[in-house]
Amino acid sequence: MSGLVEFPGDRELKVEIKVLKKEISSLVLRRDDLKYTICENIKMKYMLEIGTLELKVYDLYIKYIRLKRKKELIQARINRNEKVELNSIEEQIEREFSEYKEKLNKKLKDVSYAKARNDLPIICNEDSKRLKKLYLDIVKKIHPDLNPNITKEKIELFHHVLDAYKRCDLVSMETFYILIEEDRDFEGDSSLSSNLKEERDRLLKLLEKLNEEIEKIKKSYPYILKSYLEDEDLKLQRIEGLNYKYASYKIAIETLMENIELLLRRLDE
């Protein structure tokens, strides 16, 4: 008699592990679809419909607080009977407001990204289903969490697969799938031969972690912007509020510029 005796408990554990792997594979697809497709589309639509106005308001806000700070620095020098050097003041303001400038640049990139994504060709429903099916099959075979004993080469290959999924690149996904199918050296169940209970417990923890990640994504930016896109009244309220801020900052900026000009004029008298 050759081979190892398989106890009934081992068979049950293997069945449980198989079911867990199937459920985890589906959750990985759900999480990645949520993260790389749904959330990115929500962000794109929000930026195109509301984000561009937010950018304009934030740009005006920075101009307003910079002018306010400029007036404060000029007044402080006047109060101390110091020479008012505008170049020095501008350099100080530039240093103080570098963080605001970085945030503005990020908002600019977000809007540019949204416009670029909006210009991408939309894949048809059939291609989208095919892309997800291929990705799900590949996840089962070489996802590092499901297959802890895979080689570094396969881990690197999976990163390329994930990149293709993010880009909705069906042609590349088909190619990767063929490469993986043709690799006969891969043993998808190699991790099961060591300790079935440990593998079962590991997969249960992974299942819990994936569910937590999905819930976290749904409670975080940009998924939370979804309400503005689904509720027309809420969207209009947001736009009206931004328009009000925009008008208010414009008036405040004009007032500050007049005040600064008056301060400088008095110095020349």
C-alpha atoms as a PDB file:
ATOM      1  CA  MET A   1       0.000   0.000   0.000  1.00  0.00           C
ATOM      2  CA  SER A   2       1.457   3.340  -0.980  1.00  0.00           C
ATOM      3  CA  GLY A   3       0.673   6.908  -0.099  1.00  0.00           C
ATOM      4  CA  LEU A   4      -0.672   8.541   3.031  1.00  0.00           C
ATOM      5  CA  VAL A   5      -3.952   7.653   4.686  1.00  0.00           C
ATOM      6  CA  GLU A   6      -6.471  10.496   4.421  1.00  0.00           C
ATOM      7  CA  PHE A   7      -8.667  10.753   7.489  1.00  0.00           C
ATOM      8  CA  PRO A   8     -12.330  11.832   7.180  1.00  0.00           C
ATOM      9  CA  GLY A   9     -11.538  15.033   9.078  1.00  0.00           C
ATOM     10  CA  ASP A  10      -8.887  15.928   6.496  1.00  0.00           C
ATOM     11  CA  ARG A  11     -11.373  15.495   3.669  1.00  0.00           C
ATOM     12  CA  GLU A  12     -13.815  17.816   5.423  1.00  0.00           C
ATOM     13  CA  LEU A  13     -11.085  20.399   5.973  1.00  0.00           C
ATOM     14  CA  LYS A  14     -10.110  20.241   2.303  1.00  0.00           C
ATOM     15  CA  VAL A  15     -13.718  20.824   1.274  1.00  0.00           C
ATOM     16  CA  GLU A  16     -13.973  23.735   3.710  1.00  0.00           C
ATOM     17  CA  ILE A  17     -10.722  25.208   2.392  1.00  0.00           C
ATOM     18  CA  LYS A  18     -11.941  24.878  -1.184  1.00  0.00           C
ATOM     19  CA  VAL A  19     -15.160  26.729  -0.306  1.00  0.00           C
ATOM     20  CA  LEU A  20     -13.214  29.420   1.556  1.00  0.00           C
ATOM     21  CA  LYS A  21     -10.869  29.947  -1.401  1.00  0.00           C
ATOM     22  CA  LYS A  22     -13.822  30.343  -3.737  1.00  0.00           C
ATOM     23  CA  GLU A  23     -15.471  32.880  -1.407  1.00  0.00           C
ATOM     24  CA  ILE A  24     -12.197  34.771  -0.921  1.00  0.00           C
ATOM     25  CA  SER A  25     -11.579  34.908  -4.678  1.00  0.00           C
ATOM     26  CA  SER A  26     -15.016  36.480  -5.150  1.00  0.00           C
ATOM     27  CA  LEU A  27     -14.310  38.970  -2.357  1.00  0.00           C
ATOM     28  CA  VAL A  28     -10.956  39.924  -3.899  1.00  0.00           C
ATOM     29  CA  LEU A  29     -12.746  40.626  -7.179  1.00  0.00           C
ATOM     30  CA  ARG A  30     -15.433  42.610  -5.360  1.00  0.00           C
ATOM     31  CA  ARG A  31     -12.880  44.641  -3.402  1.00  0.00           C
ATOM     32  CA  ASP A  32     -10.725  45.402  -6.440  1.00  0.00           C
ATOM     33  CA  ASP A  33     -13.751  46.238  -8.581  1.00  0.00           C
ATOM     34  CA  LEU A  34     -14.923  48.588  -5.838  1.00  0.00           C
ATOM     35  CA  LYS A  35     -11.476  50.119  -5.376  1.00  0.00           C
ATOM     36  CA  TYR A  36     -10.223  50.404  -8.947  1.00  0.00           C
ATOM     37  CA  THR A  37     -13.418  50.760 -10.976  1.00  0.00           C
ATOM     38  CA  ILE A  38     -16.416  51.920  -8.944  1.00  0.00           C
ATOM     39  CA  CYS A  39     -14.499  54.349  -6.711  1.00  0.00           C
ATOM     40  CA  GLU A  40     -12.475  55.717  -9.618  1.00  0.00           C
ATOM     41  CA  ASN A  41     -15.657  56.292 -11.632  1.00  0.00           C
ATOM     42  CA  ILE A  42     -17.317  58.010  -8.657  1.00  0.00           C
ATOM     43  CA  LYS A  43     -14.274  60.245  -8.254  1.00  0.00           C
ATOM     44  CA  MET A  44     -14.231  61.025 -11.983  1.00  0.00           C
ATOM     45  CA  LYS A  45     -17.912  61.981 -12.124  1.00  0.00           C
ATOM     46  CA  TYR A  46     -17.693  64.038  -8.936  1.00  0.00           C
ATOM     47  CA  MET A  47     -14.661  65.940 -10.202  1.00  0.00           C
ATOM     48  CA  LEU A  48     -16.321  66.695 -13.529  1.00  0.00           C
ATOM     49  CA  GLU A  49     -19.641  67.781 -11.994  1.00  0.00           C
ATOM     50  CA  ILE A  50     -18.537  69.412  -8.716  1.00  0.00           C
ATOM     51  CA  GLY A  51     -14.763  69.111  -8.296  1.00  0.00           C
ATOM     52  CA  THR A  52     -13.896  71.738 -10.893  1.00  0.00           C
ATOM     53  CA  LEU A  53     -15.948  74.285  -8.946  1.00  0.00           C
ATOM     54  CA  GLU A  54     -14.308  73.146  -5.696  1.00  0.00           C
ATOM     55  CA  LEU A  55     -10.943  73.786  -7.328  1.00  0.00           C
ATOM     56  CA  LYS A  56     -11.925  77.341  -8.283  1.00  0.00           C
ATOM     57  CA  VAL A  57     -13.189  78.042  -4.765  1.00  0.00           C
ATOM     58  CA  TYR A  58     -10.031  76.649  -3.168  1.00  0.00           C
ATOM     59  CA  ASP A  59      -7.859  78.701  -5.512  1.00  0.00           C
ATOM     60  CA  LEU A  60      -9.715  81.862  -4.449  1.00  0.00           C
ATOM     61  CA  TYR A  61      -9.524  80.834  -0.799  1.00  0.00           C
ATOM     62  CA  ILE A  62      -5.722  80.596  -1.012  1.00  0.00           C
ATOM     63  CA  LYS A  63      -5.546  84.030  -2.658  1.00  0.00           C
ATOM     64  CA  TYR A  64      -7.748  85.416   0.114  1.00  0.00           C
ATOM     65  CA  ILE A  65      -5.708  84.042   3.043  1.00  0.00           C
ATOM     66  CA  ARG A  66      -2.443  85.035   1.333  1.00  0.00           C
ATOM     67  CA  LEU A  67      -3.657  88.619   0.940  1.00  0.00           C
ATOM     68  CA  LYS A  68      -4.909  88.607   4.527  1.00  0.00           C
ATOM     69  CA  ARG A  69      -1.490  87.472   5.708  1.00  0.00           C
ATOM     70  CA  LYS A  70       0.209  90.073   3.489  1.00  0.00           C
ATOM     71  CA  LYS A  71      -1.850  92.834   5.067  1.00  0.00           C
ATOM     72  CA  GLU A  72      -0.977  91.535   8.560  1.00  0.00           C
ATOM     73  CA  LEU A  73       2.763  91.507   7.794  1.00  0.00           C
ATOM     74  CA  ILE A  74       2.695  94.995   6.275  1.00  0.00           C
ATOM     75  CA  GLN A  75       0.744  96.364   9.243  1.00  0.00           C
ATOM     76  CA  ALA A  76       3.121  94.663  11.701  1.00  0.00           C
ATOM     77  CA  ARG A  77       6.134  96.318  10.079  1.00  0.00           C
ATOM     78  CA  ILE A  78       4.410  99.677  10.073  1.00  0.00           C
ATOM     79  CA  ASN A  79       3.565  99.305  13.772  1.00  0.00           C
ATOM     80  CA  ARG A  80       7.222  98.529  14.527  1.00  0.00           C
ATOM     81  CA  ASN A  81       8.413 101.420  12.356  1.00  0.00           C
ATOM     82  CA  GLU A  82      10.296  98.972  10.134  1.00  0.00           C
ATOM     83  CA  LYS A  83      10.905  99.282   6.428  1.00  0.00           C
ATOM     84  CA  VAL A  84       8.221  97.506   4.401  1.00  0.00           C
ATOM     85  CA  GLU A  85      10.008  95.304   1.857  1.00  0.00           C
ATOM     86  CA  LEU A  86       7.355  93.656  -0.296  1.00  0.00           C
ATOM     87  CA  ASN A  87       9.763  91.089  -1.803  1.00  0.00           C
ATOM     88  CA  SER A  88      10.728  89.872   1.665  1.00  0.00           C
ATOM     89  CA  ILE A  89       7.074  89.683   2.685  1.00  0.00           C
ATOM     90  CA  GLU A  90       6.160  87.704  -0.447  1.00  0.00           C
ATOM     91  CA  GLU A  91       9.017  85.256   0.209  1.00  0.00           C
ATOM     92  CA  GLN A  92       7.792  84.728   3.768  1.00  0.00           C
ATOM     93  CA  ILE A  93       4.240  84.137   2.561  1.00  0.00           C
ATOM     94  CA  GLU A  94       5.505  81.665  -0.053  1.00  0.00           C
ATOM     95  CA  ARG A  95       7.221  79.654   2.673  1.00  0.00           C
ATOM     96  CA  GLU A  96       4.228  79.749   5.009  1.00  0.00           C
ATOM     97  CA  PHE A  97       1.752  78.687   2.338  1.00  0.00           C
ATOM     98  CA  SER A  98       3.721  75.878   0.671  1.00  0.00           C
ATOM     99  CA  GLU A  99       1.363  73.292   2.164  1.00  0.00           C
ATOM    100  CA  TYR A 100      -1.668  75.045   0.649  1.00  0.00           C
ATOM    101  CA  LYS A 101       0.066  75.138  -2.707  1.00  0.00           C
ATOM    102  CA  GLU A 102       0.700  71.373  -2.566  1.00  0.00           C
ATOM    103  CA  LYS A 103      -2.974  70.752  -1.790  1.00  0.00           C
ATOM    104  CA  LEU A 104      -4.005  72.975  -4.706  1.00  0.00           C
ATOM    105  CA  ASN A 105      -1.682  71.062  -7.050  1.00  0.00           C
ATOM    106  CA  LYS A 106      -3.215  67.787  -5.863  1.00  0.00           C
ATOM    107  CA  LYS A 107      -6.710  69.093  -6.626  1.00  0.00           C
ATOM    108  CA  LEU A 108      -5.488  70.159 -10.077  1.00  0.00           C
ATOM    109  CA  LYS A 109      -4.133  66.649 -10.693  1.00  0.00           C
ATOM    110  CA  ASP A 110      -7.430  65.101  -9.558  1.00  0.00           C
ATOM    111  CA  VAL A 111      -9.394  67.228 -12.025  1.00  0.00           C
ATOM    112  CA  SER A 112      -6.917  66.510 -14.837  1.00  0.00           C
ATOM    113  CA  TYR A 113      -7.084  62.779 -14.058  1.00  0.00           C
ATOM    114  CA  ALA A 114     -10.890  62.872 -14.120  1.00  0.00           C
ATOM    115  CA  LYS A 115     -10.890  64.538 -17.535  1.00  0.00           C
ATOM    116  CA  ALA A 116      -8.356  62.027 -18.882  1.00  0.00           C
ATOM    117  CA  ARG A 117     -10.348  59.071 -17.489  1.00  0.00           C
ATOM    118  CA  ASN A 118     -13.538  60.472 -18.987  1.00  0.00           C
ATOM    119  CA  ASP A 119     -11.851  60.498 -22.407  1.00  0.00           C
ATOM    120  CA  LEU A 120     -10.894  56.801 -22.204  1.00  0.00           C
ATOM    121  CA  PRO A 121     -12.850  54.419 -24.437  1.00  0.00           C
ATOM    122  CA  ILE A 122     -15.636  52.619 -22.585  1.00  0.00           C
ATOM    123  CA  ILE A 123     -15.515  48.834 -22.860  1.00  0.00           C
ATOM    124  CA  CYS A 124     -18.807  47.106 -23.623  1.00  0.00           C
ATOM    125  CA  ASN A 125     -20.710  45.074 -21.048  1.00  0.00           C
ATOM    126  CA  GLU A 126     -19.577  41.746 -22.535  1.00  0.00           C
ATOM    127  CA  ASP A 127     -15.909  42.769 -22.414  1.00  0.00           C
ATOM    128  CA  SER A 128     -16.355  43.986 -18.842  1.00  0.00           C
ATOM    129  CA  LYS A 129     -17.814  40.618 -17.802  1.00  0.00           C
ATOM    130  CA  ARG A 130     -15.000  38.801 -19.611  1.00  0.00           C
ATOM    131  CA  LEU A 131     -12.379  40.969 -17.903  1.00  0.00           C
ATOM    132  CA  LYS A 132     -13.830  40.218 -14.464  1.00  0.00           C
ATOM    133  CA  LYS A 133     -14.109  36.485 -15.167  1.00  0.00           C
ATOM    134  CA  LEU A 134     -10.491  36.265 -16.317  1.00  0.00           C
ATOM    135  CA  TYR A 135      -9.336  38.273 -13.322  1.00  0.00           C
ATOM    136  CA  LEU A 136     -11.303  36.014 -10.953  1.00  0.00           C
ATOM    137  CA  ASP A 137      -9.764  32.888 -12.520  1.00  0.00           C
ATOM    138  CA  ILE A 138      -6.273  34.358 -12.268  1.00  0.00           C
ATOM    139  CA  VAL A 139      -6.863  35.413  -8.644  1.00  0.00           C
ATOM    140  CA  LYS A 140      -7.686  31.798  -7.778  1.00  0.00           C
ATOM    141  CA  LYS A 141      -4.457  30.574  -9.374  1.00  0.00           C
ATOM    142  CA  ILE A 142      -1.781  33.104  -8.410  1.00  0.00           C
ATOM    143  CA  HIS A 143      -3.070  35.626  -5.875  1.00  0.00           C
ATOM    144  CA  PRO A 144      -0.331  35.735  -3.178  1.00  0.00           C
ATOM    145  CA  ASP A 145      -2.838  35.621  -0.293  1.00  0.00           C
ATOM    146  CA  LEU A 146      -4.573  32.545  -1.656  1.00  0.00           C
ATOM    147  CA  ASN A 147      -1.346  30.848  -2.749  1.00  0.00           C
ATOM    148  CA  PRO A 148       1.376  31.628  -0.182  1.00  0.00           C
ATOM    149  CA  ASN A 149       3.881  29.226  -1.773  1.00  0.00           C
ATOM    150  CA  ILE A 150       3.975  30.725  -5.261  1.00  0.00           C
ATOM    151  CA  THR A 151       7.239  31.970  -6.724  1.00  0.00           C
ATOM    152  CA  LYS A 152       8.443  35.584  -6.854  1.00  0.00           C
ATOM    153  CA  GLU A 153       7.971  35.466 -10.617  1.00  0.00           C
ATOM    154  CA  LYS A 154       4.270  34.665 -10.202  1.00  0.00           C
ATOM    155  CA  ILE A 155       3.861  37.405  -7.594  1.00  0.00           C
ATOM    156  CA  GLU A 156       5.381  39.859 -10.069  1.00  0.00           C
ATOM    157  CA  LEU A 157       3.094  38.491 -12.778  1.00  0.00           C
ATOM    158  CA  PHE A 158       0.071  39.075 -10.551  1.00  0.00           C
ATOM    159  CA  HIS A 159       1.088  42.734 -10.124  1.00  0.00           C
ATOM    160  CA  HIS A 160       1.018  43.047 -13.935  1.00  0.00           C
ATOM    161  CA  VAL A 161      -2.397  41.364 -13.964  1.00  0.00           C
ATOM    162  CA  LEU A 162      -3.700  43.830 -11.380  1.00  0.00           C
ATOM    163  CA  ASP A 163      -2.354  46.738 -13.423  1.00  0.00           C
ATOM    164  CA  ALA A 164      -4.146  45.408 -16.515  1.00  0.00           C
ATOM    165  CA  TYR A 165      -7.354  45.090 -14.498  1.00  0.00           C
ATOM    166  CA  LYS A 166      -7.082  48.704 -13.316  1.00  0.00           C
ATOM    167  CA  ARG A 167      -6.658  49.843 -16.933  1.00  0.00           C
ATOM    168  CA  CYS A 168      -9.515  47.587 -18.169  1.00  0.00           C
ATOM    169  CA  ASP A 169      -6.983  46.082 -20.582  1.00  0.00           C
ATOM    170  CA  LEU A 170      -8.777  42.962 -21.806  1.00  0.00           C
ATOM    171  CA  VAL A 171      -6.106  42.047 -24.384  1.00  0.00           C
ATOM    172  CA  SER A 172      -3.349  41.941 -21.754  1.00  0.00           C
ATOM    173  CA  MET A 173      -5.617  40.037 -19.368  1.00  0.00           C
ATOM    174  CA  GLU A 174      -6.271  37.390 -22.037  1.00  0.00           C
ATOM    175  CA  THR A 175      -2.518  37.082 -22.581  1.00  0.00           C
ATOM    176  CA  PHE A 176      -1.746  36.712 -18.872  1.00  0.00           C
ATOM    177  CA  TYR A 177      -4.474  34.087 -18.544  1.00  0.00           C
ATOM    178  CA  ILE A 178      -2.951  32.023 -21.378  1.00  0.00           C
ATOM    179  CA  LEU A 179       0.509  32.282 -19.806  1.00  0.00           C
ATOM    180  CA  ILE A 180      -0.792  31.051 -16.459  1.00  0.00           C
ATOM    181  CA  GLU A 181      -2.818  28.221 -18.006  1.00  0.00           C
ATOM    182  CA  GLU A 182       0.194  27.009 -19.969  1.00  0.00           C
ATOM    183  CA  ASP A 183       2.389  26.864 -16.867  1.00  0.00           C
ATOM    184  CA  ARG A 184       2.056  23.220 -15.826  1.00  0.00           C
ATOM    185  CA  ASP A 185       4.570  23.427 -12.970  1.00  0.00           C
ATOM    186  CA  PHE A 186       2.218  25.391 -10.779  1.00  0.00           C
ATOM    187  CA  GLU A 187       0.486  23.524  -7.976  1.00  0.00           C
ATOM    188  CA  GLY A 188      -2.437  25.554  -6.710  1.00  0.00           C
ATOM    189  CA  ASP A 189      -2.920  23.351  -3.620  1.00  0.00           C
ATOM    190  CA  SER A 190       0.722  23.199  -2.523  1.00  0.00           C
ATOM    191  CA  SER A 191      -0.081  25.130   0.645  1.00  0.00           C
ATOM    192  CA  LEU A 192      -2.565  22.440   1.761  1.00  0.00           C
ATOM    193  CA  SER A 193      -0.017  19.666   2.185  1.00  0.00           C
ATOM    194  CA  SER A 194       1.540  21.184   5.332  1.00  0.00           C
ATOM    195  CA  ASN A 195      -1.213  21.808   7.831  1.00  0.00           C
ATOM    196  CA  LEU A 196      -4.865  21.848   6.847  1.00  0.00           C
ATOM    197  CA  LYS A 197      -6.104  23.417  10.073  1.00  0.00           C
ATOM    198  CA  GLU A 198      -3.552  26.226   9.893  1.00  0.00           C
ATOM    199  CA  GLU A 199      -4.505  26.870   6.273  1.00  0.00           C
ATOM    200  CA  ARG A 200      -8.202  26.904   7.162  1.00  0.00           C
ATOM    201  CA  ASP A 201      -7.569  29.378  10.007  1.00  0.00           C
ATOM    202  CA  ARG A 202      -5.393  31.557   7.780  1.00  0.00           C
ATOM    203  CA  LEU A 203      -8.122  31.732   5.146  1.00  0.00           C
ATOM    204  CA  LEU A 204     -10.773  32.579   7.738  1.00  0.00           C
ATOM    205  CA  LYS A 205      -8.660  35.518   8.924  1.00  0.00           C
ATOM    206  CA  LEU A 206      -8.138  36.606   5.327  1.00  0.00           C
ATOM    207  CA  LEU A 207     -11.890  36.421   4.709  1.00  0.00           C
ATOM    208  CA  GLU A 208     -12.521  38.649   7.722  1.00  0.00           C
ATOM    209  CA  LYS A 209      -9.829  41.085   6.595  1.00  0.00           C
ATOM    210  CA  LEU A 210     -11.310  41.368   3.083  1.00  0.00           C
ATOM    211  CA  ASN A 211     -14.782  42.080   4.454  1.00  0.00           C
ATOM    212  CA  GLU A 212     -13.287  44.781   6.694  1.00  0.00           C
ATOM    213  CA  GLU A 213     -11.441  46.324   3.728  1.00  0.00           C
ATOM    214  CA  ILE A 214     -14.635  46.425   1.650  1.00  0.00           C
ATOM    215  CA  GLU A 215     -16.556  48.134   4.467  1.00  0.00           C
ATOM    216  CA  LYS A 216     -13.716  50.600   4.986  1.00  0.00           C
ATOM    217  CA  ILE A 217     -13.703  51.508   1.287  1.00  0.00           C
ATOM    218  CA  LYS A 218     -17.449  52.176   1.414  1.00  0.00           C
ATOM    219  CA  LYS A 219     -16.994  54.541   4.365  1.00  0.00           C
ATOM    220  CA  SER A 220     -14.039  56.417   2.874  1.00  0.00           C
ATOM    221  CA  TYR A 221     -13.206  58.896   0.121  1.00  0.00           C
ATOM    222  CA  PRO A 222     -14.026  58.760  -2.769  1.00  0.00           C
ATOM    223  CA  TYR A 223     -16.900  56.278  -2.296  1.00  0.00           C
ATOM    224  CA  ILE A 224     -18.651  58.665   0.134  1.00  0.00           C
ATOM    225  CA  LEU A 225     -18.979  61.175  -2.741  1.00  0.00           C
ATOM    226  CA  LYS A 226     -21.535  58.811  -4.274  1.00  0.00           C
ATOM    227  CA  SER A 227     -24.390  60.494  -2.370  1.00  0.00           C
ATOM    228  CA  TYR A 228     -23.779  63.763  -4.247  1.00  0.00           C
ATOM    229  CA  LEU A 229     -24.094  61.963  -7.577  1.00  0.00           C
ATOM    230  CA  GLU A 230     -27.229  60.022  -6.660  1.00  0.00           C
ATOM    231  CA  ASP A 231     -29.153  62.797  -4.882  1.00  0.00           C
ATOM    232  CA  GLU A 232     -29.830  65.732  -7.215  1.00  0.00           C
ATOM    233  CA  ASP A 233     -31.014  67.992  -4.378  1.00  0.00           C
ATOM    234  CA  LEU A 234     -27.870  67.286  -2.369  1.00  0.00           C
ATOM    235  CA  LYS A 235     -25.718  68.003  -5.418  1.00  0.00           C
ATOM    236  CA  LEU A 236     -27.495  71.305  -6.068  1.00  0.00           C
ATOM    237  CA  GLN A 237     -27.066  72.310  -2.414  1.00  0.00           C
ATOM    238  CA  ARG A 238     -23.356  71.582  -2.667  1.00  0.00           C
ATOM    239  CA  ILE A 239     -22.998  73.601  -5.874  1.00  0.00           C
ATOM    240  CA  GLU A 240     -25.000  76.512  -4.463  1.00  0.00           C
ATOM    241  CA  GLY A 241     -22.832  76.507  -1.334  1.00  0.00           C
ATOM    242  CA  LEU A 242     -19.653  76.547  -3.427  1.00  0.00           C
ATOM    243  CA  ASN A 243     -20.973  79.371  -5.626  1.00  0.00           C
ATOM    244  CA  TYR A 244     -21.765  81.400  -2.502  1.00  0.00           C
ATOM    245  CA  LYS A 245     -18.230  80.845  -1.170  1.00  0.00           C
ATOM    246  CA  TYR A 246     -16.766  81.789  -4.541  1.00  0.00           C
ATOM    247  CA  ALA A 247     -18.668  85.090  -4.624  1.00  0.00           C
ATOM    248  CA  SER A 248     -17.783  85.821  -0.975  1.00  0.00           C
ATOM    249  CA  TYR A 249     -14.057  85.238  -1.521  1.00  0.00           C
ATOM    250  CA  LYS A 250     -14.093  87.483  -4.597  1.00  0.00           C
ATOM    251  CA  ILE A 251     -15.566  90.359  -2.570  1.00  0.00           C
ATOM    252  CA  ALA A 252     -13.177  89.712   0.334  1.00  0.00           C
ATOM    253  CA  ILE A 253     -10.175  89.677  -2.036  1.00  0.00           C
ATOM    254  CA  GLU A 254     -11.170  92.975  -3.609  1.00  0.00           C
ATOM    255  CA  THR A 255     -11.557  94.523  -0.129  1.00  0.00           C
ATOM    256  CA  LEU A 256      -8.152  93.263   1.016  1.00  0.00           C
ATOM    257  CA  MET A 257      -6.444  94.521  -2.129  1.00  0.00           C
ATOM    258  CA  GLU A 258      -7.938  97.968  -1.533  1.00  0.00           C
ATOM    259  CA  ASN A 259      -6.812  97.904   2.122  1.00  0.00           C
ATOM    260  CA  ILE A 260      -3.262  96.885   1.176  1.00  0.00           C
ATOM    261  CA  GLU A 261      -3.106  99.571  -1.487  1.00  0.00           C
ATOM    262  CA  LEU A 262      -4.273 102.137   1.075  1.00  0.00           C
ATOM    263  CA  LEU A 263      -1.580 101.048   3.554  1.00  0.00           C
ATOM    264  CA  LEU A 264       1.163 101.312   0.927  1.00  0.00           C
ATOM    265  CA  ARG A 265      -0.129 104.686  -0.257  1.00  0.00           C
ATOM    266  CA  ARG A 266       0.091 106.040   3.262  1.00  0.00           C
ATOM    267  CA  LEU A 267       3.725 104.963   3.459  1.00  0.00           C
ATOM    268  CA  ASP A 268       4.528 107.036   0.382  1.00  0.00           C
ATOM    269  CA  GLU A 269       2.902 110.168   1.804  1.00  0.00           C
END
